[in-house]
Amino acid sequence: MITLESDQQLKQLTEDGSVILLFSADWCPDCRIIEPFLPELEEKFSSWTFVYVDRDQFIHICAENDVFGIPSFLALKNGEEVGRFVSKDRKTQEEIEEFLTNVNG
């Protein structure tokens, strides 16, 4: 998983290719619960580049994309949103896999 470091990096990552943005934060207990199985999801859905977006560091990106709860996922292909799994609710591995399967086409 790539950790987002700048707006410029986000632009480069998302303008060409398939990217899953994971909006998260260090203090988020629901975010910690999904961490153990994220490598497995990255391997299973290897056609996607997974990018960790720190909600506190990039609050403007959250606002621009209407992401007001974490953990949340945004799927982008060639700069266009193709799917979102955005809410403040805790997410299970099964729910995240279902989302990724649906956006994978």
PDB file of N, CA and C in Angstrom:
ATOM      1  N   MET A   1       0.844  -1.175   0.000  1.00  0.00           N
ATOM      2  CA  MET A   1       0.000   0.000   0.000  1.00  0.00           C
ATOM      3  C   MET A   1       0.888   1.236   0.000  1.00  0.00           C
ATOM      4  N   ILE A   2       0.552   2.153  -0.863  1.00  0.00           N
ATOM      5  CA  ILE A   2       1.273   3.420  -0.949  1.00  0.00           C
ATOM      6  C   ILE A   2       0.642   4.385   0.051  1.00  0.00           C
ATOM      7  N   THR A   3       1.468   5.122   0.786  1.00  0.00           N
ATOM      8  CA  THR A   3       0.956   6.160   1.679  1.00  0.00           C
ATOM      9  C   THR A   3       1.032   7.491   0.950  1.00  0.00           C
ATOM     10  N   LEU A   4      -0.106   8.146   0.823  1.00  0.00           N
ATOM     11  CA  LEU A   4      -0.152   9.421   0.108  1.00  0.00           C
ATOM     12  C   LEU A   4       0.674  10.470   0.846  1.00  0.00           C
ATOM     13  N   GLU A   5       1.515  11.189   0.070  1.00  0.00           N
ATOM     14  CA  GLU A   5       2.381  12.193   0.672  1.00  0.00           C
ATOM     15  C   GLU A   5       2.083  13.605   0.181  1.00  0.00           C
ATOM     16  N   SER A   6       1.395  13.746  -0.975  1.00  0.00           N
ATOM     17  CA  SER A   6       1.132  15.088  -1.491  1.00  0.00           C
ATOM     18  C   SER A   6      -0.031  15.074  -2.478  1.00  0.00           C
ATOM     19  N   ASP A   7      -0.584  16.249  -2.706  1.00  0.00           N
ATOM     20  CA  ASP A   7      -1.645  16.385  -3.703  1.00  0.00           C
ATOM     21  C   ASP A   7      -1.117  16.028  -5.092  1.00  0.00           C
ATOM     22  N   GLN A   8       0.124  16.412  -5.371  1.00  0.00           N
ATOM     23  CA  GLN A   8       0.735  16.117  -6.667  1.00  0.00           C
ATOM     24  C   GLN A   8       0.853  14.603  -6.870  1.00  0.00           C
ATOM     25  N   GLN A   9       1.248  13.891  -5.826  1.00  0.00           N
ATOM     26  CA  GLN A   9       1.344  12.432  -5.914  1.00  0.00           C
ATOM     27  C   GLN A   9      -0.029  11.828  -6.204  1.00  0.00           C
ATOM     28  N   LEU A  10      -1.069  12.338  -5.551  1.00  0.00           N
ATOM     29  CA  LEU A  10      -2.427  11.843  -5.791  1.00  0.00           C
ATOM     30  C   LEU A  10      -2.813  12.036  -7.248  1.00  0.00           C
ATOM     31  N   LYS A  11      -2.520  13.205  -7.780  1.00  0.00           N
ATOM     32  CA  LYS A  11      -2.838  13.492  -9.183  1.00  0.00           C
ATOM     33  C   LYS A  11      -2.121  12.496 -10.110  1.00  0.00           C
ATOM     34  N   GLN A  12      -0.847  12.243  -9.853  1.00  0.00           N
ATOM     35  CA  GLN A  12      -0.075  11.310 -10.676  1.00  0.00           C
ATOM     36  C   GLN A  12      -0.630   9.893 -10.579  1.00  0.00           C
ATOM     37  N   LEU A  13      -0.984   9.472  -9.364  1.00  0.00           N
ATOM     38  CA  LEU A  13      -1.475   8.101  -9.160  1.00  0.00           C
ATOM     39  C   LEU A  13      -2.838   7.872  -9.798  1.00  0.00           C
ATOM     40  N   THR A  14      -3.697   8.891  -9.759  1.00  0.00           N
ATOM     41  CA  THR A  14      -5.081   8.679 -10.175  1.00  0.00           C
ATOM     42  C   THR A  14      -5.368   9.025 -11.629  1.00  0.00           C
ATOM     43  N   GLU A  15      -4.504   9.791 -12.294  1.00  0.00           N
ATOM     44  CA  GLU A  15      -4.867  10.213 -13.647  1.00  0.00           C
ATOM     45  C   GLU A  15      -4.762   9.097 -14.677  1.00  0.00           C
ATOM     46  N   ASP A  16      -4.000   8.057 -14.381  1.00  0.00           N
ATOM     47  CA  ASP A  16      -3.848   6.969 -15.343  1.00  0.00           C
ATOM     48  C   ASP A  16      -3.717   5.656 -14.591  1.00  0.00           C
ATOM     49  N   GLY A  17      -4.768   4.866 -14.579  1.00  0.00           N
ATOM     50  CA  GLY A  17      -4.712   3.581 -13.893  1.00  0.00           C
ATOM     51  C   GLY A  17      -5.892   3.383 -12.965  1.00  0.00           C
ATOM     52  N   SER A  18      -5.852   2.285 -12.223  1.00  0.00           N
ATOM     53  CA  SER A  18      -6.924   1.900 -11.311  1.00  0.00           C
ATOM     54  C   SER A  18      -6.422   2.017  -9.879  1.00  0.00           C
ATOM     55  N   VAL A  19      -7.078   2.886  -9.114  1.00  0.00           N
ATOM     56  CA  VAL A  19      -6.613   3.208  -7.768  1.00  0.00           C
ATOM     57  C   VAL A  19      -7.757   3.069  -6.767  1.00  0.00           C
ATOM     58  N   ILE A  20      -7.454   2.451  -5.627  1.00  0.00           N
ATOM     59  CA  ILE A  20      -8.373   2.424  -4.493  1.00  0.00           C
ATOM     60  C   ILE A  20      -7.786   3.337  -3.432  1.00  0.00           C
ATOM     61  N   LEU A  21      -8.523   4.392  -3.080  1.00  0.00           N
ATOM     62  CA  LEU A  21      -8.103   5.270  -1.996  1.00  0.00           C
ATOM     63  C   LEU A  21      -8.739   4.768  -0.709  1.00  0.00           C
ATOM     64  N   LEU A  22      -7.924   4.507   0.293  1.00  0.00           N
ATOM     65  CA  LEU A  22      -8.396   4.128   1.616  1.00  0.00           C
ATOM     66  C   LEU A  22      -8.226   5.335   2.524  1.00  0.00           C
ATOM     67  N   PHE A  23      -9.341   5.912   2.923  1.00  0.00           N
ATOM     68  CA  PHE A  23      -9.320   7.049   3.834  1.00  0.00           C
ATOM     69  C   PHE A  23      -9.340   6.502   5.255  1.00  0.00           C
ATOM     70  N   SER A  24      -8.355   6.915   6.063  1.00  0.00           N
ATOM     71  CA  SER A  24      -8.178   6.343   7.385  1.00  0.00           C
ATOM     72  C   SER A  24      -7.485   7.372   8.279  1.00  0.00           C
ATOM     73  N   ALA A  25      -7.244   6.988   9.543  1.00  0.00           N
ATOM     74  CA  ALA A  25      -6.499   7.832  10.474  1.00  0.00           C
ATOM     75  C   ALA A  25      -5.947   6.958  11.589  1.00  0.00           C
ATOM     76  N   ASP A  26      -4.840   7.395  12.171  1.00  0.00           N
ATOM     77  CA  ASP A  26      -4.188   6.621  13.224  1.00  0.00           C
ATOM     78  C   ASP A  26      -5.088   6.404  14.432  1.00  0.00           C
ATOM     79  N   TRP A  27      -5.942   7.368  14.731  1.00  0.00           N
ATOM     80  CA  TRP A  27      -6.763   7.315  15.947  1.00  0.00           C
ATOM     81  C   TRP A  27      -8.075   6.545  15.761  1.00  0.00           C
ATOM     82  N   CYS A  28      -8.339   6.041  14.564  1.00  0.00           N
ATOM     83  CA  CYS A  28      -9.627   5.423  14.231  1.00  0.00           C
ATOM     84  C   CYS A  28      -9.629   3.937  14.605  1.00  0.00           C
ATOM     85  N   PRO A  29     -10.420   3.520  15.628  1.00  0.00           N
ATOM     86  CA  PRO A  29     -10.421   2.106  16.014  1.00  0.00           C
ATOM     87  C   PRO A  29     -10.974   1.177  14.934  1.00  0.00           C
ATOM     88  N   ASP A  30     -11.976   1.615  14.188  1.00  0.00           N
ATOM     89  CA  ASP A  30     -12.519   0.774  13.112  1.00  0.00           C
ATOM     90  C   ASP A  30     -11.510   0.580  11.986  1.00  0.00           C
ATOM     91  N   CYS A  31     -10.630   1.550  11.809  1.00  0.00           N
ATOM     92  CA  CYS A  31      -9.579   1.443  10.790  1.00  0.00           C
ATOM     93  C   CYS A  31      -8.543   0.383  11.191  1.00  0.00           C
ATOM     94  N   ARG A  32      -8.248   0.297  12.478  1.00  0.00           N
ATOM     95  CA  ARG A  32      -7.288  -0.698  12.961  1.00  0.00           C
ATOM     96  C   ARG A  32      -7.820  -2.117  12.739  1.00  0.00           C
ATOM     97  N   ILE A  33      -9.124  -2.288  12.846  1.00  0.00           N
ATOM     98  CA  ILE A  33      -9.729  -3.619  12.708  1.00  0.00           C
ATOM     99  C   ILE A  33      -9.532  -4.186  11.301  1.00  0.00           C
ATOM    100  N   ILE A  34      -9.539  -3.327  10.269  1.00  0.00           N
ATOM    101  CA  ILE A  34      -9.398  -3.829   8.896  1.00  0.00           C
ATOM    102  C   ILE A  34      -7.937  -4.013   8.483  1.00  0.00           C
ATOM    103  N   GLU A  35      -7.000  -3.429   9.221  1.00  0.00           N
ATOM    104  CA  GLU A  35      -5.587  -3.484   8.826  1.00  0.00           C
ATOM    105  C   GLU A  35      -5.036  -4.898   8.618  1.00  0.00           C
ATOM    106  N   PRO A  36      -5.357  -5.869   9.514  1.00  0.00           N
ATOM    107  CA  PRO A  36      -4.743  -7.201   9.339  1.00  0.00           C
ATOM    108  C   PRO A  36      -5.048  -7.885   8.008  1.00  0.00           C
ATOM    109  N   PHE A  37      -6.208  -7.619   7.410  1.00  0.00           N
ATOM    110  CA  PHE A  37      -6.532  -8.310   6.163  1.00  0.00           C
ATOM    111  C   PHE A  37      -6.338  -7.450   4.914  1.00  0.00           C
ATOM    112  N   LEU A  38      -5.849  -6.234   5.060  1.00  0.00           N
ATOM    113  CA  LEU A  38      -5.618  -5.394   3.880  1.00  0.00           C
ATOM    114  C   LEU A  38      -4.581  -5.990   2.918  1.00  0.00           C
ATOM    115  N   PRO A  39      -3.461  -6.542   3.403  1.00  0.00           N
ATOM    116  CA  PRO A  39      -2.510  -7.149   2.448  1.00  0.00           C
ATOM    117  C   PRO A  39      -3.142  -8.261   1.611  1.00  0.00           C
ATOM    118  N   GLU A  40      -4.011  -9.042   2.222  1.00  0.00           N
ATOM    119  CA  GLU A  40      -4.706 -10.116   1.502  1.00  0.00           C
ATOM    120  C   GLU A  40      -5.598  -9.531   0.404  1.00  0.00           C
ATOM    121  N   LEU A  41      -6.289  -8.437   0.715  1.00  0.00           N
ATOM    122  CA  LEU A  41      -7.150  -7.792  -0.287  1.00  0.00           C
ATOM    123  C   LEU A  41      -6.317  -7.203  -1.421  1.00  0.00           C
ATOM    124  N   GLU A  42      -5.181  -6.597  -1.070  1.00  0.00           N
ATOM    125  CA  GLU A  42      -4.299  -6.039  -2.100  1.00  0.00           C
ATOM    126  C   GLU A  42      -3.817  -7.126  -3.053  1.00  0.00           C
ATOM    127  N   GLU A  43      -3.514  -8.296  -2.502  1.00  0.00           N
ATOM    128  CA  GLU A  43      -3.050  -9.408  -3.328  1.00  0.00           C
ATOM    129  C   GLU A  43      -4.180  -9.932  -4.213  1.00  0.00           C
ATOM    130  N   LYS A  44      -5.362 -10.062  -3.639  1.00  0.00           N
ATOM    131  CA  LYS A  44      -6.511 -10.599  -4.363  1.00  0.00           C
ATOM    132  C   LYS A  44      -6.972  -9.662  -5.476  1.00  0.00           C
ATOM    133  N   PHE A  45      -6.863  -8.363  -5.233  1.00  0.00           N
ATOM    134  CA  PHE A  45      -7.299  -7.357  -6.213  1.00  0.00           C
ATOM    135  C   PHE A  45      -6.076  -6.592  -6.718  1.00  0.00           C
ATOM    136  N   SER A  46      -5.108  -7.342  -7.235  1.00  0.00           N
ATOM    137  CA  SER A  46      -3.803  -6.779  -7.596  1.00  0.00           C
ATOM    138  C   SER A  46      -3.838  -5.881  -8.830  1.00  0.00           C
ATOM    139  N   SER A  47      -4.963  -5.840  -9.543  1.00  0.00           N
ATOM    140  CA  SER A  47      -5.051  -4.931 -10.688  1.00  0.00           C
ATOM    141  C   SER A  47      -5.252  -3.482 -10.212  1.00  0.00           C
ATOM    142  N   TRP A  48      -5.478  -3.311  -8.918  1.00  0.00           N
ATOM    143  CA  TRP A  48      -5.671  -1.981  -8.327  1.00  0.00           C
ATOM    144  C   TRP A  48      -4.427  -1.575  -7.547  1.00  0.00           C
ATOM    145  N   THR A  49      -4.141  -0.281  -7.550  1.00  0.00           N
ATOM    146  CA  THR A  49      -3.119   0.290  -6.682  1.00  0.00           C
ATOM    147  C   THR A  49      -3.828   0.838  -5.457  1.00  0.00           C
ATOM    148  N   PHE A  50      -3.444   0.373  -4.275  1.00  0.00           N
ATOM    149  CA  PHE A  50      -4.067   0.817  -3.030  1.00  0.00           C
ATOM    150  C   PHE A  50      -3.262   1.961  -2.437  1.00  0.00           C
ATOM    151  N   VAL A  51      -3.977   3.038  -2.071  1.00  0.00           N
ATOM    152  CA  VAL A  51      -3.334   4.241  -1.548  1.00  0.00           C
ATOM    153  C   VAL A  51      -3.985   4.625  -0.218  1.00  0.00           C
ATOM    154  N   TYR A  52      -3.161   4.708   0.817  1.00  0.00           N
ATOM    155  CA  TYR A  52      -3.621   5.124   2.139  1.00  0.00           C
ATOM    156  C   TYR A  52      -3.652   6.648   2.188  1.00  0.00           C
ATOM    157  N   VAL A  53      -4.828   7.202   2.497  1.00  0.00           N
ATOM    158  CA  VAL A  53      -4.987   8.656   2.603  1.00  0.00           C
ATOM    159  C   VAL A  53      -5.310   8.991   4.059  1.00  0.00           C
ATOM    160  N   ASP A  54      -4.384   9.677   4.725  1.00  0.00           N
ATOM    161  CA  ASP A  54      -4.598  10.071   6.117  1.00  0.00           C
ATOM    162  C   ASP A  54      -5.630  11.192   6.161  1.00  0.00           C
ATOM    163  N   ARG A  55      -6.766  10.897   6.810  1.00  0.00           N
ATOM    164  CA  ARG A  55      -7.879  11.849   6.856  1.00  0.00           C
ATOM    165  C   ARG A  55      -7.467  13.186   7.448  1.00  0.00           C
ATOM    166  N   ASP A  56      -6.643  13.173   8.482  1.00  0.00           N
ATOM    167  CA  ASP A  56      -6.264  14.417   9.146  1.00  0.00           C
ATOM    168  C   ASP A  56      -5.286  15.240   8.303  1.00  0.00           C
ATOM    169  N   GLN A  57      -4.387  14.564   7.621  1.00  0.00           N
ATOM    170  CA  GLN A  57      -3.391  15.254   6.793  1.00  0.00           C
ATOM    171  C   GLN A  57      -4.012  15.788   5.499  1.00  0.00           C
ATOM    172  N   PHE A  58      -5.017  15.071   4.978  1.00  0.00           N
ATOM    173  CA  PHE A  58      -5.612  15.441   3.690  1.00  0.00           C
ATOM    174  C   PHE A  58      -7.115  15.657   3.823  1.00  0.00           C
ATOM    175  N   ILE A  59      -7.511  16.430   4.829  1.00  0.00           N
ATOM    176  CA  ILE A  59      -8.939  16.675   5.066  1.00  0.00           C
ATOM    177  C   ILE A  59      -9.589  17.346   3.855  1.00  0.00           C
ATOM    178  N   HIS A  60      -8.825  18.139   3.113  1.00  0.00           N
ATOM    179  CA  HIS A  60      -9.376  18.798   1.919  1.00  0.00           C
ATOM    180  C   HIS A  60      -9.734  17.777   0.833  1.00  0.00           C
ATOM    181  N   ILE A  61      -8.972  16.697   0.730  1.00  0.00           N
ATOM    182  CA  ILE A  61      -9.292  15.650  -0.252  1.00  0.00           C
ATOM    183  C   ILE A  61     -10.563  14.924   0.184  1.00  0.00           C
ATOM    184  N   CYS A  62     -10.703  14.704   1.479  1.00  0.00           N
ATOM    185  CA  CYS A  62     -11.939  14.105   2.001  1.00  0.00           C
ATOM    186  C   CYS A  62     -13.127  14.990   1.648  1.00  0.00           C
ATOM    187  N   ALA A  63     -13.017  16.279   1.914  1.00  0.00           N
ATOM    188  CA  ALA A  63     -14.119  17.204   1.645  1.00  0.00           C
ATOM    189  C   ALA A  63     -14.451  17.262   0.160  1.00  0.00           C
ATOM    190  N   GLU A  64     -13.428  17.307  -0.684  1.00  0.00           N
ATOM    191  CA  GLU A  64     -13.644  17.369  -2.140  1.00  0.00           C
ATOM    192  C   GLU A  64     -14.371  16.132  -2.660  1.00  0.00           C
ATOM    193  N   ASN A  65     -14.215  15.005  -1.958  1.00  0.00           N
ATOM    194  CA  ASN A  65     -14.808  13.738  -2.406  1.00  0.00           C
ATOM    195  C   ASN A  65     -15.979  13.292  -1.534  1.00  0.00           C
ATOM    196  N   ASP A  66     -16.482  14.196  -0.698  1.00  0.00           N
ATOM    197  CA  ASP A  66     -17.610  13.878   0.192  1.00  0.00           C
ATOM    198  C   ASP A  66     -17.359  12.631   1.030  1.00  0.00           C
ATOM    199  N   VAL A  67     -16.159  12.539   1.587  1.00  0.00           N
ATOM    200  CA  VAL A  67     -15.808  11.440   2.478  1.00  0.00           C
ATOM    201  C   VAL A  67     -15.808  12.000   3.897  1.00  0.00           C
ATOM    202  N   PHE A  68     -16.859  11.690   4.649  1.00  0.00           N
ATOM    203  CA  PHE A  68     -16.990  12.249   5.988  1.00  0.00           C
ATOM    204  C   PHE A  68     -16.967  11.190   7.076  1.00  0.00           C
ATOM    205  N   GLY A  69     -16.722   9.943   6.720  1.00  0.00           N
ATOM    206  CA  GLY A  69     -16.579   8.882   7.698  1.00  0.00           C
ATOM    207  C   GLY A  69     -15.421   7.987   7.287  1.00  0.00           C
ATOM    208  N   ILE A  70     -14.788   7.373   8.283  1.00  0.00           N
ATOM    209  CA  ILE A  70     -13.676   6.463   7.995  1.00  0.00           C
ATOM    210  C   ILE A  70     -13.845   5.197   8.814  1.00  0.00           C
ATOM    211  N   PRO A  71     -13.303   4.082   8.340  1.00  0.00           N
ATOM    212  CA  PRO A  71     -12.579   3.923   7.079  1.00  0.00           C
ATOM    213  C   PRO A  71     -13.530   3.963   5.884  1.00  0.00           C
ATOM    214  N   SER A  72     -13.067   4.550   4.811  1.00  0.00           N
ATOM    215  CA  SER A  72     -13.858   4.618   3.583  1.00  0.00           C
ATOM    216  C   SER A  72     -12.969   4.349   2.383  1.00  0.00           C
ATOM    217  N   PHE A  73     -13.606   3.889   1.308  1.00  0.00           N
ATOM    218  CA  PHE A  73     -12.888   3.505   0.097  1.00  0.00           C
ATOM    219  C   PHE A  73     -13.471   4.233  -1.103  1.00  0.00           C
ATOM    220  N   LEU A  74     -12.603   4.705  -1.978  1.00  0.00           N
ATOM    221  CA  LEU A  74     -12.999   5.347  -3.220  1.00  0.00           C
ATOM    222  C   LEU A  74     -12.233   4.668  -4.345  1.00  0.00           C
ATOM    223  N   ALA A  75     -12.942   4.218  -5.377  1.00  0.00           N
ATOM    224  CA  ALA A  75     -12.313   3.549  -6.517  1.00  0.00           C
ATOM    225  C   ALA A  75     -12.275   4.517  -7.695  1.00  0.00           C
ATOM    226  N   LEU A  76     -11.093   4.679  -8.279  1.00  0.00           N
ATOM    227  CA  LEU A  76     -10.909   5.588  -9.420  1.00  0.00           C
ATOM    228  C   LEU A  76     -10.228   4.842 -10.555  1.00  0.00           C
ATOM    229  N   LYS A  77     -10.740   5.065 -11.775  1.00  0.00           N
ATOM    230  CA  LYS A  77     -10.085   4.544 -12.977  1.00  0.00           C
ATOM    231  C   LYS A  77      -9.832   5.730 -13.896  1.00  0.00           C
ATOM    232  N   ASN A  78      -8.578   5.915 -14.242  1.00  0.00           N
ATOM    233  CA  ASN A  78      -8.177   7.019 -15.126  1.00  0.00           C
ATOM    234  C   ASN A  78      -8.757   8.347 -14.664  1.00  0.00           C
ATOM    235  N   GLY A  79      -8.700   8.584 -13.351  1.00  0.00           N
ATOM    236  CA  GLY A  79      -9.123   9.850 -12.783  1.00  0.00           C
ATOM    237  C   GLY A  79     -10.608   9.986 -12.528  1.00  0.00           C
ATOM    238  N   GLU A  80     -11.407   9.003 -12.956  1.00  0.00           N
ATOM    239  CA  GLU A  80     -12.862   9.064 -12.777  1.00  0.00           C
ATOM    240  C   GLU A  80     -13.300   8.108 -11.675  1.00  0.00           C
ATOM    241  N   GLU A  81     -14.203   8.586 -10.821  1.00  0.00           N
ATOM    242  CA  GLU A  81     -14.734   7.726  -9.771  1.00  0.00           C
ATOM    243  C   GLU A  81     -15.616   6.634 -10.392  1.00  0.00           C
ATOM    244  N   VAL A  82     -15.340   5.392 -10.010  1.00  0.00           N
ATOM    245  CA  VAL A  82     -16.133   4.263 -10.508  1.00  0.00           C
ATOM    246  C   VAL A  82     -16.845   3.518  -9.382  1.00  0.00           C
ATOM    247  N   GLY A  83     -16.573   3.915  -8.151  1.00  0.00           N
ATOM    248  CA  GLY A  83     -17.246   3.290  -7.027  1.00  0.00           C
ATOM    249  C   GLY A  83     -16.820   3.911  -5.721  1.00  0.00           C
ATOM    250  N   ARG A  84     -17.717   3.799  -4.716  1.00  0.00           N
ATOM    251  CA  ARG A  84     -17.391   4.310  -3.383  1.00  0.00           C
ATOM    252  C   ARG A  84     -18.044   3.442  -2.323  1.00  0.00           C
ATOM    253  N   PHE A  85     -17.302   3.246  -1.262  1.00  0.00           N
ATOM    254  CA  PHE A  85     -17.797   2.551  -0.076  1.00  0.00           C
ATOM    255  C   PHE A  85     -17.464   3.498   1.069  1.00  0.00           C
ATOM    256  N   VAL A  86     -18.349   4.477   1.245  1.00  0.00           N
ATOM    257  CA  VAL A  86     -18.087   5.592   2.144  1.00  0.00           C
ATOM    258  C   VAL A  86     -19.173   5.646   3.216  1.00  0.00           C
ATOM    259  N   SER A  87     -18.739   5.530   4.461  1.00  0.00           N
ATOM    260  CA  SER A  87     -19.643   5.695   5.605  1.00  0.00           C
ATOM    261  C   SER A  87     -18.795   5.743   6.866  1.00  0.00           C
ATOM    262  N   LYS A  88     -19.442   6.075   7.963  1.00  0.00           N
ATOM    263  CA  LYS A  88     -18.732   6.081   9.242  1.00  0.00           C
ATOM    264  C   LYS A  88     -18.798   4.716   9.920  1.00  0.00           C
ATOM    265  N   ASP A  89     -19.471   3.761   9.295  1.00  0.00           N
ATOM    266  CA  ASP A  89     -19.682   2.449   9.905  1.00  0.00           C
ATOM    267  C   ASP A  89     -18.438   1.574   9.829  1.00  0.00           C
ATOM    268  N   ARG A  90     -18.329   0.669  10.801  1.00  0.00           N
ATOM    269  CA  ARG A  90     -17.280  -0.350  10.761  1.00  0.00           C
ATOM    270  C   ARG A  90     -17.531  -1.238   9.542  1.00  0.00           C
ATOM    271  N   LYS A  91     -16.461  -1.649   8.874  1.00  0.00           N
ATOM    272  CA  LYS A  91     -16.589  -2.470   7.671  1.00  0.00           C
ATOM    273  C   LYS A  91     -15.938  -3.825   7.897  1.00  0.00           C
ATOM    274  N   THR A  92     -16.606  -4.860   7.391  1.00  0.00           N
ATOM    275  CA  THR A  92     -16.050  -6.209   7.517  1.00  0.00           C
ATOM    276  C   THR A  92     -15.217  -6.532   6.275  1.00  0.00           C
ATOM    277  N   GLN A  93     -14.410  -7.568   6.383  1.00  0.00           N
ATOM    278  CA  GLN A  93     -13.624  -8.012   5.238  1.00  0.00           C
ATOM    279  C   GLN A  93     -14.552  -8.396   4.096  1.00  0.00           C
ATOM    280  N   GLU A  94     -15.660  -9.055   4.422  1.00  0.00           N
ATOM    281  CA  GLU A  94     -16.608  -9.488   3.393  1.00  0.00           C
ATOM    282  C   GLU A  94     -17.223  -8.292   2.663  1.00  0.00           C
ATOM    283  N   GLU A  95     -17.581  -7.254   3.413  1.00  0.00           N
ATOM    284  CA  GLU A  95     -18.172  -6.063   2.791  1.00  0.00           C
ATOM    285  C   GLU A  95     -17.175  -5.368   1.868  1.00  0.00           C
ATOM    286  N   ILE A  96     -15.929  -5.278   2.303  1.00  0.00           N
ATOM    287  CA  ILE A  96     -14.893  -4.622   1.492  1.00  0.00           C
ATOM    288  C   ILE A  96     -14.612  -5.461   0.238  1.00  0.00           C
ATOM    289  N   GLU A  97     -14.545  -6.784   0.399  1.00  0.00           N
ATOM    290  CA  GLU A  97     -14.322  -7.654  -0.758  1.00  0.00           C
ATOM    291  C   GLU A  97     -15.466  -7.536  -1.759  1.00  0.00           C
ATOM    292  N   GLU A  98     -16.686  -7.463  -1.256  1.00  0.00           N
ATOM    293  CA  GLU A  98     -17.851  -7.318  -2.146  1.00  0.00           C
ATOM    294  C   GLU A  98     -17.759  -6.009  -2.932  1.00  0.00           C
ATOM    295  N   PHE A  99     -17.389  -4.924  -2.243  1.00  0.00           N
ATOM    296  CA  PHE A  99     -17.202  -3.634  -2.922  1.00  0.00           C
ATOM    297  C   PHE A  99     -16.137  -3.741  -4.003  1.00  0.00           C
ATOM    298  N   LEU A 100     -14.989  -4.318  -3.665  1.00  0.00           N
ATOM    299  CA  LEU A 100     -13.888  -4.431  -4.629  1.00  0.00           C
ATOM    300  C   LEU A 100     -14.255  -5.322  -5.807  1.00  0.00           C
ATOM    301  N   THR A 101     -14.998  -6.391  -5.548  1.00  0.00           N
ATOM    302  CA  THR A 101     -15.457  -7.274  -6.629  1.00  0.00           C
ATOM    303  C   THR A 101     -16.388  -6.524  -7.571  1.00  0.00           C
ATOM    304  N   ASN A 102     -17.283  -5.731  -7.010  1.00  0.00           N
ATOM    305  CA  ASN A 102     -18.244  -4.985  -7.837  1.00  0.00           C
ATOM    306  C   ASN A 102     -17.565  -3.923  -8.693  1.00  0.00           C
ATOM    307  N   VAL A 103     -16.563  -3.209  -8.150  1.00  0.00           N
ATOM    308  CA  VAL A 103     -15.886  -2.189  -8.960  1.00  0.00           C
ATOM    309  C   VAL A 103     -14.884  -2.793  -9.919  1.00  0.00           C
ATOM    310  N   ASN A 104     -14.496  -4.022  -9.660  1.00  0.00           N
ATOM    311  CA  ASN A 104     -13.528  -4.706 -10.523  1.00  0.00           C
ATOM    312  C   ASN A 104     -14.167  -5.063 -11.869  1.00  0.00           C
ATOM    313  N   GLY A 105     -15.483  -5.207 -11.872  1.00  0.00           N
ATOM    314  CA  GLY A 105     -16.190  -5.503 -13.111  1.00  0.00           C
ATOM    315  C   GLY A 105     -15.996  -6.927 -13.488  1.00  0.00           C
TER     316      GLY A 105
END
